[in-house]
Amino acid sequence: MLELLTGRWWWLLVRGIVAILFGLAAFFLPGVTLLGLIYLFGVFAIVDGVTLIVFGRRAGMKWYWSALAGLVSIAAGVVAFAWPGLSAVALLWVIAFWAILNGIFQILTAIEIRKEVEGEWVLFLAGALAVAFGVILLFRPGAGVFAVLWLIGTFAILLGILMIILSFKLKGLQGRVKDARETIQDARGGA
């Protein structure tokens, strides 16, 4: 599994870049209408979900947490597109539950891979950040839309940074995993 994760490190990089771009859009386009925010979130959630499912599908035996998180993300994105007339509070609830469920799945994935991947704490921290973000939205739904935009932007940028850090940690392991595989193959060939 570690070989697969290191070979697909760029999926996390893509996920991190998309999250940062979404966060920057939330900061620099505060005049975006609620409909624009809903569509922007929908695109982000669907891209994030597809990335998680593809990554999870290629991960083999222990793919289910990533795939479940991907399905939750896609469902949140579809809800955003299917009902674009949602009120700001309803959108906040959708985003809050999406963040909490996605965060829980990220934490469970980090726990699952902790023996195989050094630096899994980054994924765990990203999951904890997502849960905290969702809980804040649940208990503060009456906050102004612009305040929520800043909160969403901050969350997305922090999540993106953590995903990029994790992707480069996996990329750094790629050579060591390849060397270890070649050593094992050489040992088997010489036996």
Protein backbone atom coordinates (compact mmCIF):
# COMPACT_ATOMS: atom_id res chain seq x y z
CA MET A 1 0.00 0.00 0.00
CA LEU A 2 2.85 2.37 0.79
CA GLU A 3 4.20 1.91 -2.75
CA LEU A 4 0.80 2.82 -4.14
CA LEU A 5 0.48 5.89 -1.89
CA THR A 6 3.93 7.16 -2.81
CA GLY A 7 3.26 6.49 -6.49
CA ARG A 8 0.06 8.53 -6.33
CA TRP A 9 1.37 11.38 -4.17
CA TRP A 10 0.28 13.88 -6.80
CA TRP A 11 -3.42 13.15 -6.16
CA LEU A 12 -3.03 14.78 -2.77
CA LEU A 13 -1.15 17.63 -4.39
CA VAL A 14 -4.06 18.21 -6.80
CA ARG A 15 -6.53 18.07 -3.93
CA GLY A 16 -4.48 20.59 -1.96
CA ILE A 17 -4.16 22.98 -4.90
CA VAL A 18 -7.92 22.86 -5.58
CA ALA A 19 -8.64 23.54 -1.90
CA ILE A 20 -6.26 26.54 -1.86
CA LEU A 21 -7.78 27.96 -5.06
CA PHE A 22 -11.25 27.59 -3.57
CA GLY A 23 -10.11 29.33 -0.38
CA LEU A 24 -8.50 32.20 -2.30
CA ALA A 25 -11.67 32.64 -4.36
CA ALA A 26 -13.67 32.92 -1.13
CA PHE A 27 -11.30 35.68 0.07
CA PHE A 28 -10.87 37.68 -3.11
CA LEU A 29 -14.41 37.41 -4.47
CA PRO A 30 -16.47 38.41 -1.41
CA GLY A 31 -19.10 40.03 -3.59
CA VAL A 32 -19.99 36.67 -5.08
CA THR A 33 -23.69 36.05 -4.77
CA LEU A 34 -25.01 33.20 -2.71
CA LEU A 35 -25.74 31.33 -5.92
CA GLY A 36 -22.12 31.76 -6.98
CA LEU A 37 -20.94 30.50 -3.59
CA ILE A 38 -23.19 27.48 -3.85
CA TYR A 39 -21.85 26.60 -7.31
CA LEU A 40 -18.27 27.26 -6.23
CA PHE A 41 -18.71 24.95 -3.24
CA GLY A 42 -20.44 22.36 -5.45
CA VAL A 43 -17.52 22.28 -7.89
CA PHE A 44 -15.00 22.07 -5.05
CA ALA A 45 -16.88 19.26 -3.28
CA ILE A 46 -17.33 17.21 -6.47
CA VAL A 47 -13.68 17.59 -7.56
CA ASP A 48 -12.57 16.76 -4.02
CA GLY A 49 -14.87 13.71 -3.95
CA VAL A 50 -13.76 12.37 -7.32
CA THR A 51 -10.12 12.81 -6.28
CA LEU A 52 -10.76 10.86 -3.07
CA ILE A 53 -12.59 8.05 -4.85
CA VAL A 54 -9.95 7.67 -7.56
CA PHE A 55 -7.21 7.73 -4.94
CA GLY A 56 -9.14 5.30 -2.73
CA ARG A 57 -9.94 2.98 -5.62
CA ARG A 58 -6.27 2.71 -6.50
CA ALA A 59 -5.27 2.13 -2.88
CA GLY A 60 -6.39 -1.50 -2.97
CA MET A 61 -7.45 -3.29 0.20
CA LYS A 62 -7.87 -0.31 2.53
CA TRP A 63 -9.62 2.09 0.22
CA TYR A 64 -13.01 2.30 1.91
CA TRP A 65 -12.43 5.39 4.12
CA SER A 66 -11.18 7.42 1.19
CA ALA A 67 -14.04 6.21 -1.00
CA LEU A 68 -16.65 7.00 1.67
CA ALA A 69 -15.21 10.49 2.14
CA GLY A 70 -15.34 10.93 -1.63
CA LEU A 71 -18.98 9.88 -1.80
CA VAL A 72 -19.85 12.33 1.00
CA SER A 73 -18.07 15.13 -0.89
CA ILE A 74 -19.82 14.32 -4.16
CA ALA A 75 -23.20 14.13 -2.41
CA ALA A 76 -22.62 17.57 -0.86
CA GLY A 77 -21.68 18.97 -4.27
CA VAL A 78 -24.74 17.43 -5.94
CA VAL A 79 -26.99 18.88 -3.22
CA ALA A 80 -25.47 22.30 -3.87
CA PHE A 81 -26.19 22.03 -7.63
CA ALA A 82 -29.62 20.39 -7.28
CA TRP A 83 -30.97 23.06 -4.93
CA PRO A 84 -29.11 26.28 -5.75
CA GLY A 85 -31.82 28.38 -4.13
CA LEU A 86 -30.85 27.18 -0.68
CA SER A 87 -30.76 29.85 1.97
CA ALA A 88 -27.41 30.81 3.45
CA VAL A 89 -28.19 28.89 6.64
CA ALA A 90 -29.18 25.74 4.73
CA LEU A 91 -25.94 25.97 2.74
CA LEU A 92 -24.02 26.30 5.99
CA TRP A 93 -25.65 23.14 7.30
CA VAL A 94 -24.73 21.23 4.13
CA ILE A 95 -21.14 22.46 4.35
CA ALA A 96 -20.98 21.74 8.10
CA PHE A 97 -22.12 18.13 7.76
CA TRP A 98 -19.87 17.63 4.74
CA ALA A 99 -16.86 18.93 6.68
CA ILE A 100 -17.62 16.82 9.77
CA LEU A 101 -18.12 13.57 7.82
CA ASN A 102 -15.13 14.25 5.57
CA GLY A 103 -13.01 15.01 8.62
CA ILE A 104 -14.06 11.83 10.40
CA PHE A 105 -13.14 9.77 7.33
CA GLN A 106 -9.76 11.52 7.09
CA ILE A 107 -9.05 10.77 10.77
CA LEU A 108 -10.02 7.13 10.28
CA THR A 109 -7.79 6.91 7.20
CA ALA A 110 -4.87 8.42 9.16
CA ILE A 111 -5.37 5.84 11.90
CA GLU A 112 -5.55 3.07 9.31
CA ILE A 113 -2.28 4.03 7.58
CA ARG A 114 -0.28 5.12 10.64
CA LYS A 115 1.92 2.00 10.60
CA GLU A 116 2.72 2.34 6.91
CA VAL A 117 3.05 6.08 6.33
CA GLU A 118 5.32 8.44 8.19
CA GLY A 119 3.67 11.82 8.63
CA GLU A 120 0.12 10.51 8.85
CA TRP A 121 -0.38 13.16 11.52
CA VAL A 122 -0.88 15.67 8.69
CA LEU A 123 -3.94 13.77 7.45
CA PHE A 124 -5.14 13.37 11.04
CA LEU A 125 -4.73 17.11 11.65
CA ALA A 126 -6.55 17.91 8.39
CA GLY A 127 -9.42 15.67 9.54
CA ALA A 128 -9.54 17.29 12.97
CA LEU A 129 -9.54 20.73 11.31
CA ALA A 130 -12.45 19.68 9.09
CA VAL A 131 -14.46 18.39 12.08
CA ALA A 132 -13.77 21.58 14.06
CA PHE A 133 -14.78 23.71 11.08
CA GLY A 134 -18.05 21.78 10.68
CA VAL A 135 -18.88 22.02 14.38
CA ILE A 136 -18.26 25.78 14.36
CA LEU A 137 -20.63 26.15 11.41
CA LEU A 138 -23.29 24.05 13.14
CA PHE A 139 -23.24 26.12 16.30
CA ARG A 140 -22.82 29.53 14.61
CA PRO A 141 -25.13 29.34 11.56
CA GLY A 142 -26.40 32.87 12.02
CA ALA A 143 -23.00 34.41 11.30
CA GLY A 144 -22.93 36.78 8.36
CA VAL A 145 -22.26 35.40 4.91
CA PHE A 146 -19.03 37.36 4.57
CA ALA A 147 -17.76 36.08 7.90
CA VAL A 148 -18.59 32.58 6.73
CA LEU A 149 -16.75 33.23 3.47
CA TRP A 150 -13.63 34.12 5.45
CA LEU A 151 -14.07 31.02 7.60
CA ILE A 152 -14.57 28.82 4.55
CA GLY A 153 -11.60 30.41 2.80
CA THR A 154 -9.34 29.93 5.82
CA PHE A 155 -10.41 26.30 6.21
CA ALA A 156 -9.88 25.52 2.52
CA ILE A 157 -6.44 27.15 2.43
CA LEU A 158 -5.27 25.38 5.61
CA LEU A 159 -6.63 22.06 4.36
CA GLY A 160 -4.92 22.61 1.01
CA ILE A 161 -1.58 23.39 2.66
CA LEU A 162 -1.80 20.24 4.79
CA MET A 163 -2.65 18.10 1.73
CA ILE A 164 0.30 19.57 -0.19
CA ILE A 165 2.66 18.89 2.74
CA LEU A 166 1.44 15.28 2.90
CA SER A 167 1.81 14.87 -0.87
CA PHE A 168 5.46 15.95 -0.75
CA LYS A 169 6.12 13.68 2.24
CA LEU A 170 4.79 10.78 0.17
CA LYS A 171 6.84 11.90 -2.84
CA GLY A 172 9.94 11.93 -0.63
CA LEU A 173 9.27 8.32 0.37
CA GLN A 174 8.89 7.24 -3.25
CA GLY A 175 12.61 6.55 -3.83
CA ARG A 176 13.03 4.66 -0.56
CA VAL A 177 10.01 2.47 -1.30
CA LYS A 178 11.34 1.71 -4.80
CA ASP A 179 14.79 0.84 -3.40
CA ALA A 180 13.23 -1.43 -0.78
CA ARG A 181 11.15 -3.20 -3.44
CA GLU A 182 14.22 -3.72 -5.63
CA THR A 183 16.19 -5.05 -2.66
CA ILE A 184 13.43 -7.55 -1.90
CA GLN A 185 13.26 -8.60 -5.57
CA ASP A 186 17.07 -9.03 -5.67
CA ALA A 187 16.97 -11.09 -2.49
CA ARG A 188 14.25 -13.32 -3.92
CA GLY A 189 16.12 -13.70 -7.18
CA GLY A 190 19.34 -14.72 -5.43
CA ALA A 191 17.69 -17.23 -3.12
